[in-house]
Amino acid sequence: MSSSSRKTGRRLHRQVLSDLGERWITDNLLARRYDRRGNYFGDDCAVIRFGKRAFLYTTDPCPTPAALALGFDDLYYFGWLLATINLSDIAAMGGTPDGLLTSFILPNDTTVQQFNRLLDGVDACCSQSGTRVIGGNLKEGSLQGTATAVGHMDFDTVLWRSGVQVGDSILVAGDLGRFWAGFLARRNELPIPGSRLKRLMNPVLTPRPKIREGRILSGLGCVHAAMDVSDGLLPTLREMAKASKVNLSLELTRESIDPDALVVADLLRMDPTRLALGWGDWQLCLAVNASDIASVRAAIAPEPVHEIGKARRGTGLLLRHEDGVDRLWGEFDSERLRNDSWLTAGLQGYVDMLLDSPLSRGH
């Protein structure tokens, strides 16, 4: 090893994780250690192949629900979100969930009623997704929740994030913009009729993992790649572009935004496409041949399907403007293990970025 390599190595070892960020850590530390042939490292779930079957495993902690910032301090919503975060990874691969393992750290003064509400939220989301809690762990401390979801499917139908092909259409299965429209409508006390506000608040309080849609899509045979939008639309598509070694050119229009979200955007006098950029709506991003879009829409109806872009030669993620020019997207990320992550810096900073950051760079 050269002297310069040793010095670089020593400098790296002295750095803290927040100097690097989750993606650098994943690509340069975790992948180098664990990415081996047959491990299928880096997708929404870990995959173990056994003959023609694939067994899916994923684990995630639950952040503080955005619902808490709106005054919903019922642990039911914490439990529901914990289940959604993990079951959505199973959905993204097209699998069937077999069960959820939960691990809770709870303060000693948690009441039985509060604990039951936490479990009610987990159980209700699991029931809606056709699965159940099968085990877990419990200890005392500051409130934390982590879960592991397990599932199965035919190996040949697994939806990887790395299968995007040049020429593919990029689709989103699910309502675009409802989460942030609901959040902002409630926080700003906008004059929204009760039925419309209730619909907008559903993804804020009880987001639904798209298990049904994922299973159907994996069986169609025409979906080249898929990923859930757990980190937000743009970070998700950047990961798909990187894994597939393609360039994704996106064009978001009013027609691709949920009608109720458009009402909120108009009341706030904001560009409605901003509502679609952040995390929270739990959609599925897909890559298919243009000729198969109608089949996808018919198969998962009444779930809406929006075409938002194309895959081209090259690398990266671009925004197509009305003038037909592609430009780099602005920064709408909240990468974990960074000091500017909303989990570290707070939710308000992320909201400000979503509302005020330039949509594109390189004007």
Protein backbone atom coordinates (compact mmCIF):
# COMPACT_ATOMS: atom_id res chain seq x y z
CA MET A 1 0.00 0.00 0.00
CA SER A 2 1.39 3.42 -0.96
CA SER A 3 2.02 6.17 1.57
CA SER A 4 -0.75 8.31 0.07
CA SER A 5 -3.23 5.40 0.30
CA ARG A 6 -2.35 4.90 3.97
CA LYS A 7 -2.84 8.61 4.66
CA THR A 8 -6.21 8.56 2.87
CA GLY A 9 -7.24 5.53 4.90
CA ARG A 10 -6.26 7.20 8.18
CA ARG A 11 -8.19 10.36 7.27
CA LEU A 12 -11.26 8.28 6.42
CA HIS A 13 -11.12 6.37 9.71
CA ARG A 14 -11.11 9.65 11.62
CA GLN A 15 -14.23 10.95 9.86
CA VAL A 16 -17.62 10.67 11.50
CA LEU A 17 -20.61 9.22 9.68
CA SER A 18 -22.31 12.60 9.24
CA ASP A 19 -19.33 13.70 7.11
CA LEU A 20 -20.23 10.98 4.61
CA GLY A 21 -24.00 10.40 4.50
CA GLU A 22 -26.05 7.22 4.12
CA ARG A 23 -25.48 6.74 0.39
CA TRP A 24 -21.69 7.03 0.53
CA ILE A 25 -21.67 4.68 3.51
CA THR A 26 -23.86 2.17 1.67
CA ASP A 27 -21.84 2.28 -1.55
CA ASN A 28 -18.34 2.39 -0.08
CA LEU A 29 -18.53 0.61 3.26
CA LEU A 30 -21.54 -1.70 3.37
CA ALA A 31 -21.55 -2.83 -0.28
CA ARG A 32 -17.82 -3.57 -0.24
CA ARG A 33 -18.29 -5.69 2.87
CA TYR A 34 -21.55 -7.47 2.07
CA ASP A 35 -22.23 -7.30 -1.69
CA ARG A 36 -21.45 -10.82 -2.83
CA ARG A 37 -22.78 -12.82 -5.75
CA GLY A 38 -26.12 -14.29 -4.77
CA ASN A 39 -26.79 -11.82 -1.94
CA TYR A 40 -28.77 -9.35 -4.09
CA PHE A 41 -27.48 -6.50 -1.93
CA GLY A 42 -28.99 -3.02 -2.17
CA ASP A 43 -32.66 -3.51 -3.07
CA ASP A 44 -35.71 -2.76 -0.94
CA CYS A 45 -35.44 -6.22 0.62
CA ALA A 46 -32.72 -8.77 1.17
CA VAL A 47 -33.50 -11.78 -1.04
CA ILE A 48 -32.54 -15.39 -0.38
CA ARG A 49 -33.17 -17.79 -3.23
CA PHE A 50 -34.21 -21.35 -2.50
CA GLY A 51 -34.88 -23.17 -5.75
CA LYS A 52 -37.67 -21.36 -7.57
CA ARG A 53 -38.72 -19.46 -4.47
CA ALA A 54 -37.47 -16.13 -3.13
CA PHE A 55 -37.67 -15.24 0.56
CA LEU A 56 -37.73 -11.53 1.37
CA TYR A 57 -36.44 -9.82 4.50
CA THR A 58 -36.40 -6.14 5.45
CA THR A 59 -35.93 -4.19 8.66
CA ASP A 60 -36.49 -0.53 9.48
CA PRO A 61 -37.00 1.68 12.52
CA CYS A 62 -39.91 4.09 12.78
CA PRO A 63 -39.13 7.83 12.82
CA THR A 64 -41.31 10.25 14.73
CA PRO A 65 -44.54 10.36 12.68
CA ALA A 66 -45.29 13.66 10.94
CA ALA A 67 -48.76 13.28 12.48
CA LEU A 68 -47.21 14.14 15.85
CA ALA A 69 -46.28 17.62 14.57
CA LEU A 70 -49.97 18.14 13.79
CA GLY A 71 -51.11 17.24 17.29
CA PHE A 72 -51.93 13.56 16.78
CA ASP A 73 -50.02 12.08 19.73
CA ASP A 74 -51.90 8.75 19.74
CA LEU A 75 -49.37 5.86 19.56
CA TYR A 76 -51.76 4.14 17.15
CA TYR A 77 -50.21 6.21 14.34
CA PHE A 78 -46.68 5.30 15.43
CA GLY A 79 -47.58 1.61 15.26
CA TRP A 80 -49.30 1.96 11.89
CA LEU A 81 -46.32 3.80 10.39
CA LEU A 82 -43.87 1.21 11.71
CA ALA A 83 -45.78 -1.56 9.93
CA THR A 84 -46.14 0.48 6.72
CA ILE A 85 -42.44 1.29 6.48
CA ASN A 86 -41.51 -2.38 6.52
CA LEU A 87 -44.41 -3.89 4.59
CA SER A 88 -43.96 -1.34 1.81
CA ASP A 89 -40.52 -2.84 1.09
CA ILE A 90 -42.17 -6.24 0.57
CA ALA A 91 -44.68 -4.56 -1.75
CA ALA A 92 -41.91 -2.92 -3.78
CA MET A 93 -40.41 -6.31 -4.60
CA GLY A 94 -43.84 -7.75 -5.48
CA GLY A 95 -43.92 -10.18 -2.56
CA THR A 96 -46.49 -11.61 -0.19
CA PRO A 97 -45.84 -10.75 3.48
CA ASP A 98 -45.63 -13.69 5.88
CA GLY A 99 -45.35 -11.72 9.09
CA LEU A 100 -43.87 -8.86 11.06
CA LEU A 101 -41.42 -9.00 13.96
CA THR A 102 -41.56 -5.94 16.20
CA SER A 103 -39.05 -4.58 18.72
CA PHE A 104 -40.21 -1.83 21.06
CA ILE A 105 -38.31 0.29 23.56
CA LEU A 106 -40.86 1.98 25.83
CA PRO A 107 -40.66 4.29 28.85
CA ASN A 108 -41.53 2.59 32.12
CA ASP A 109 -44.43 5.01 32.63
CA THR A 110 -46.16 4.00 29.38
CA THR A 111 -49.75 3.18 30.28
CA VAL A 112 -51.43 -0.06 29.28
CA GLN A 113 -53.87 1.99 27.21
CA GLN A 114 -51.01 3.66 25.31
CA PHE A 115 -49.31 0.32 24.72
CA ASN A 116 -52.52 -1.22 23.44
CA ARG A 117 -53.01 1.71 21.05
CA LEU A 118 -49.49 1.17 19.72
CA LEU A 119 -50.24 -2.51 19.10
CA ASP A 120 -53.64 -1.65 17.61
CA GLY A 121 -51.92 0.50 14.97
CA VAL A 122 -49.46 -2.24 14.04
CA ASP A 123 -52.19 -4.89 13.93
CA ALA A 124 -54.59 -2.78 11.86
CA CYS A 125 -51.98 -2.07 9.17
CA CYS A 126 -50.90 -5.72 9.13
CA SER A 127 -54.50 -6.89 8.81
CA GLN A 128 -55.11 -4.54 5.89
CA SER A 129 -52.00 -5.99 4.24
CA GLY A 130 -53.02 -9.62 4.80
CA THR A 131 -50.45 -10.45 7.46
CA ARG A 132 -49.86 -10.35 11.23
CA VAL A 133 -47.30 -9.90 13.98
CA ILE A 134 -45.42 -13.17 14.57
CA GLY A 135 -42.98 -12.19 17.32
CA GLY A 136 -40.63 -9.54 18.64
CA ASN A 137 -39.00 -7.97 21.66
CA LEU A 138 -39.74 -5.44 24.40
CA LYS A 139 -37.49 -3.44 26.75
CA GLU A 140 -37.46 -0.17 28.70
CA GLY A 141 -36.03 3.18 27.58
CA SER A 142 -36.92 6.16 25.38
CA LEU A 143 -39.63 5.40 22.81
CA GLN A 144 -38.30 3.53 19.80
CA GLY A 145 -39.82 1.01 17.41
CA THR A 146 -38.18 -1.27 14.87
CA ALA A 147 -39.70 -4.06 12.81
CA THR A 148 -38.61 -6.81 10.46
CA ALA A 149 -40.96 -7.95 7.71
CA VAL A 150 -40.59 -11.33 6.02
CA GLY A 151 -42.24 -12.46 2.80
CA HIS A 152 -42.04 -14.78 -0.16
CA MET A 153 -42.64 -14.98 -3.92
CA ASP A 154 -41.46 -16.78 -7.07
CA PHE A 155 -37.85 -15.80 -7.71
CA ASP A 156 -38.46 -15.20 -11.42
CA THR A 157 -41.04 -12.51 -10.63
CA VAL A 158 -38.97 -10.44 -8.17
CA LEU A 159 -39.10 -6.70 -9.02
CA TRP A 160 -35.54 -5.36 -8.76
CA ARG A 161 -34.66 -1.67 -8.87
CA SER A 162 -31.87 -2.30 -11.39
CA GLY A 163 -33.91 -3.40 -14.40
CA VAL A 164 -34.81 -0.06 -16.03
CA GLN A 165 -34.20 -0.23 -19.80
CA VAL A 166 -33.41 2.61 -22.18
CA GLY A 167 -36.71 3.72 -23.71
CA ASP A 168 -38.84 2.66 -20.73
CA SER A 169 -41.64 4.85 -19.46
CA ILE A 170 -41.41 5.76 -15.77
CA LEU A 171 -44.68 5.38 -13.90
CA VAL A 172 -45.88 6.09 -10.38
CA ALA A 173 -48.61 3.89 -8.92
CA GLY A 174 -50.45 5.91 -6.32
CA ASP A 175 -51.72 9.39 -5.56
CA LEU A 176 -49.11 12.08 -6.03
CA GLY A 177 -49.00 14.92 -3.53
CA ARG A 178 -51.66 13.87 -1.04
CA PHE A 179 -49.38 13.49 1.99
CA TRP A 180 -47.88 16.98 1.89
CA ALA A 181 -51.19 18.50 0.80
CA GLY A 182 -52.85 16.98 3.86
CA PHE A 183 -50.01 18.00 6.16
CA LEU A 184 -49.99 21.61 4.93
CA ALA A 185 -53.79 21.88 4.86
CA ARG A 186 -54.04 20.77 8.48
CA ARG A 187 -51.07 22.83 9.69
CA ASN A 188 -52.26 26.00 7.95
CA GLU A 189 -55.93 25.41 8.84
CA LEU A 190 -56.97 25.82 5.23
CA PRO A 191 -60.71 26.04 4.44
CA ILE A 192 -60.97 22.46 3.12
CA PRO A 193 -64.31 20.60 3.36
CA GLY A 194 -64.27 17.82 5.94
CA SER A 195 -64.58 14.89 3.50
CA ARG A 196 -61.78 16.21 1.31
CA LEU A 197 -59.54 16.93 4.31
CA LYS A 198 -60.16 13.43 5.66
CA ARG A 199 -59.03 11.92 2.35
CA LEU A 200 -55.94 14.12 2.32
CA MET A 201 -55.10 13.12 5.89
CA ASN A 202 -55.24 9.36 5.22
CA PRO A 203 -51.60 9.14 4.01
CA VAL A 204 -50.50 11.33 6.94
CA LEU A 205 -52.17 9.18 9.59
CA THR A 206 -52.56 5.71 8.06
CA PRO A 207 -50.44 5.32 4.89
CA ARG A 208 -51.20 2.10 3.04
CA PRO A 209 -48.41 -0.22 1.87
CA LYS A 210 -49.30 -1.26 -1.69
CA ILE A 211 -49.14 -5.02 -1.18
CA ARG A 212 -52.00 -5.79 -3.58
CA GLU A 213 -50.56 -3.65 -6.35
CA GLY A 214 -47.04 -5.00 -5.92
CA ARG A 215 -48.18 -8.61 -6.16
CA ILE A 216 -50.23 -7.92 -9.28
CA LEU A 217 -47.41 -6.00 -10.94
CA SER A 218 -44.86 -8.73 -10.27
CA GLY A 219 -47.16 -11.26 -11.94
CA LEU A 220 -47.71 -9.20 -15.10
CA GLY A 221 -44.26 -9.94 -16.47
CA CYS A 222 -43.92 -6.51 -18.10
CA VAL A 223 -42.55 -4.44 -15.19
CA HIS A 224 -38.79 -4.08 -15.64
CA ALA A 225 -38.01 -2.41 -12.31
CA ALA A 226 -39.75 -1.11 -9.20
CA MET A 227 -39.02 0.65 -5.94
CA ASP A 228 -41.11 2.18 -3.20
CA VAL A 229 -40.96 5.93 -2.56
CA SER A 230 -40.01 5.71 1.12
CA ASP A 231 -37.29 8.37 0.83
CA GLY A 232 -39.16 10.68 -1.55
CA LEU A 233 -39.75 10.67 -5.29
CA LEU A 234 -36.44 12.19 -6.42
CA PRO A 235 -34.10 10.15 -4.18
CA THR A 236 -35.97 7.01 -5.23
CA LEU A 237 -35.60 7.73 -8.94
CA ARG A 238 -31.94 8.66 -8.48
CA GLU A 239 -31.37 5.23 -6.95
CA MET A 240 -33.20 3.49 -9.81
CA ALA A 241 -31.17 5.45 -12.36
CA LYS A 242 -27.90 4.61 -10.60
CA ALA A 243 -28.72 0.92 -10.17
CA SER A 244 -29.84 0.57 -13.80
CA LYS A 245 -27.10 2.81 -15.28
CA VAL A 246 -29.58 4.97 -17.19
CA ASN A 247 -30.66 8.60 -17.34
CA LEU A 248 -34.19 9.39 -16.18
CA SER A 249 -35.85 12.50 -17.58
CA LEU A 250 -38.90 13.52 -15.56
CA GLU A 251 -41.78 15.81 -16.37
CA LEU A 252 -44.28 16.47 -13.60
CA THR A 253 -47.47 18.29 -14.60
CA ARG A 254 -50.70 19.32 -12.88
CA GLU A 255 -52.37 16.34 -14.54
CA SER A 256 -50.17 13.95 -12.53
CA ILE A 257 -51.07 15.51 -9.15
CA ASP A 258 -54.00 14.31 -7.07
CA PRO A 259 -57.05 16.61 -7.60
CA ASP A 260 -57.48 17.29 -3.86
CA ALA A 261 -53.78 18.16 -3.60
CA LEU A 262 -54.24 20.67 -6.43
CA VAL A 263 -56.87 22.46 -4.33
CA VAL A 264 -54.37 22.84 -1.48
CA ALA A 265 -51.63 24.04 -3.84
CA ASP A 266 -53.93 26.66 -5.31
CA LEU A 267 -54.94 27.92 -1.84
CA LEU A 268 -51.27 28.19 -0.88
CA ARG A 269 -50.38 29.69 -4.29
CA MET A 270 -47.59 27.21 -4.80
CA ASP A 271 -46.41 25.00 -7.66
CA PRO A 272 -48.37 21.75 -7.05
CA THR A 273 -45.53 19.57 -8.34
CA ARG A 274 -43.63 20.38 -5.14
CA LEU A 275 -46.20 18.37 -3.20
CA ALA A 276 -45.14 15.26 -5.14
CA LEU A 277 -41.41 15.53 -4.42
CA GLY A 278 -41.22 14.70 -0.72
CA TRP A 279 -41.56 11.46 1.15
CA GLY A 280 -44.90 10.40 2.62
CA ASP A 281 -47.21 9.15 -0.12
CA TRP A 282 -45.81 5.56 -0.27
CA GLN A 283 -46.25 5.11 -4.00
CA LEU A 284 -44.48 2.55 -6.18
CA CYS A 285 -42.19 3.74 -8.98
CA LEU A 286 -42.17 1.47 -12.04
CA ALA A 287 -40.36 1.13 -15.35
CA VAL A 288 -42.27 -0.45 -18.25
CA ASN A 289 -42.36 -0.40 -22.02
CA ALA A 290 -44.71 2.34 -23.26
CA SER A 291 -46.86 -0.28 -24.96
CA ASP A 292 -47.59 -1.90 -21.56
CA ILE A 293 -48.85 1.20 -19.73
CA ALA A 294 -52.50 0.43 -20.49
CA SER A 295 -52.09 -3.11 -19.16
CA VAL A 296 -50.55 -1.84 -15.92
CA ARG A 297 -53.37 0.66 -15.43
CA ALA A 298 -56.04 -1.95 -16.01
CA ALA A 299 -54.38 -4.51 -13.75
CA ILE A 300 -54.17 -2.38 -10.60
CA ALA A 301 -57.29 -0.23 -11.06
CA PRO A 302 -58.68 1.73 -9.25
CA GLU A 303 -55.16 2.68 -8.07
CA PRO A 304 -54.11 5.66 -10.23
CA VAL A 305 -51.06 5.32 -12.47
CA HIS A 306 -49.18 8.40 -13.71
CA GLU A 307 -46.55 8.50 -16.44
CA ILE A 308 -43.89 10.95 -15.28
CA GLY A 309 -40.81 10.34 -17.41
CA LYS A 310 -38.58 8.36 -19.76
CA ALA A 311 -35.37 6.37 -19.45
CA ARG A 312 -32.59 7.42 -21.81
CA ARG A 313 -28.95 6.63 -22.38
CA GLY A 314 -26.58 8.19 -19.89
CA THR A 315 -26.74 8.51 -16.13
CA GLY A 316 -28.52 10.65 -13.56
CA LEU A 317 -31.86 12.35 -13.13
CA LEU A 318 -33.07 15.36 -15.10
CA LEU A 319 -36.09 17.67 -15.04
CA ARG A 320 -37.74 18.36 -18.39
CA HIS A 321 -39.13 21.90 -18.49
CA GLU A 322 -42.00 23.18 -20.60
CA ASP A 323 -39.42 24.55 -23.04
CA GLY A 324 -38.29 20.98 -23.70
CA VAL A 325 -34.89 21.52 -22.06
CA ASP A 326 -33.58 19.01 -19.51
CA ARG A 327 -32.00 20.47 -16.38
CA LEU A 328 -30.69 19.03 -13.14
CA TRP A 329 -33.25 18.72 -10.38
CA GLY A 330 -32.78 20.85 -7.30
CA GLU A 331 -32.02 19.34 -3.91
CA PHE A 332 -35.14 17.84 -2.35
CA ASP A 333 -33.38 15.14 -0.39
CA SER A 334 -33.12 14.36 3.30
CA GLU A 335 -30.28 11.88 3.37
CA ARG A 336 -29.85 10.01 6.62
CA LEU A 337 -26.67 10.36 8.64
CA ARG A 338 -26.23 13.97 7.51
CA ASN A 339 -26.51 17.01 9.76
CA ASP A 340 -29.16 18.52 7.45
CA SER A 341 -31.35 15.41 7.53
CA TRP A 342 -34.83 16.17 8.85
CA LEU A 343 -34.29 13.42 11.43
CA THR A 344 -31.38 15.48 12.79
CA ALA A 345 -32.27 19.08 11.91
CA GLY A 346 -36.03 18.81 12.41
CA LEU A 347 -39.14 18.59 10.26
CA GLN A 348 -39.55 22.34 9.69
CA GLY A 349 -36.27 22.60 7.80
CA TYR A 350 -37.43 19.88 5.41
CA VAL A 351 -40.79 21.61 4.88
CA ASP A 352 -38.98 24.87 4.09
CA MET A 353 -36.77 23.09 1.55
CA LEU A 354 -39.78 21.45 -0.08
CA LEU A 355 -41.60 24.77 -0.44
CA ASP A 356 -38.75 27.13 -1.29
CA SER A 357 -35.79 25.33 -2.92
CA PRO A 358 -35.33 25.94 -6.70
CA LEU A 359 -36.92 23.16 -8.73
CA SER A 360 -33.90 22.89 -11.01
CA ARG A 361 -30.28 23.91 -11.34
CA GLY A 362 -28.49 25.23 -14.39
CA HIS A 363 -30.94 27.81 -15.68
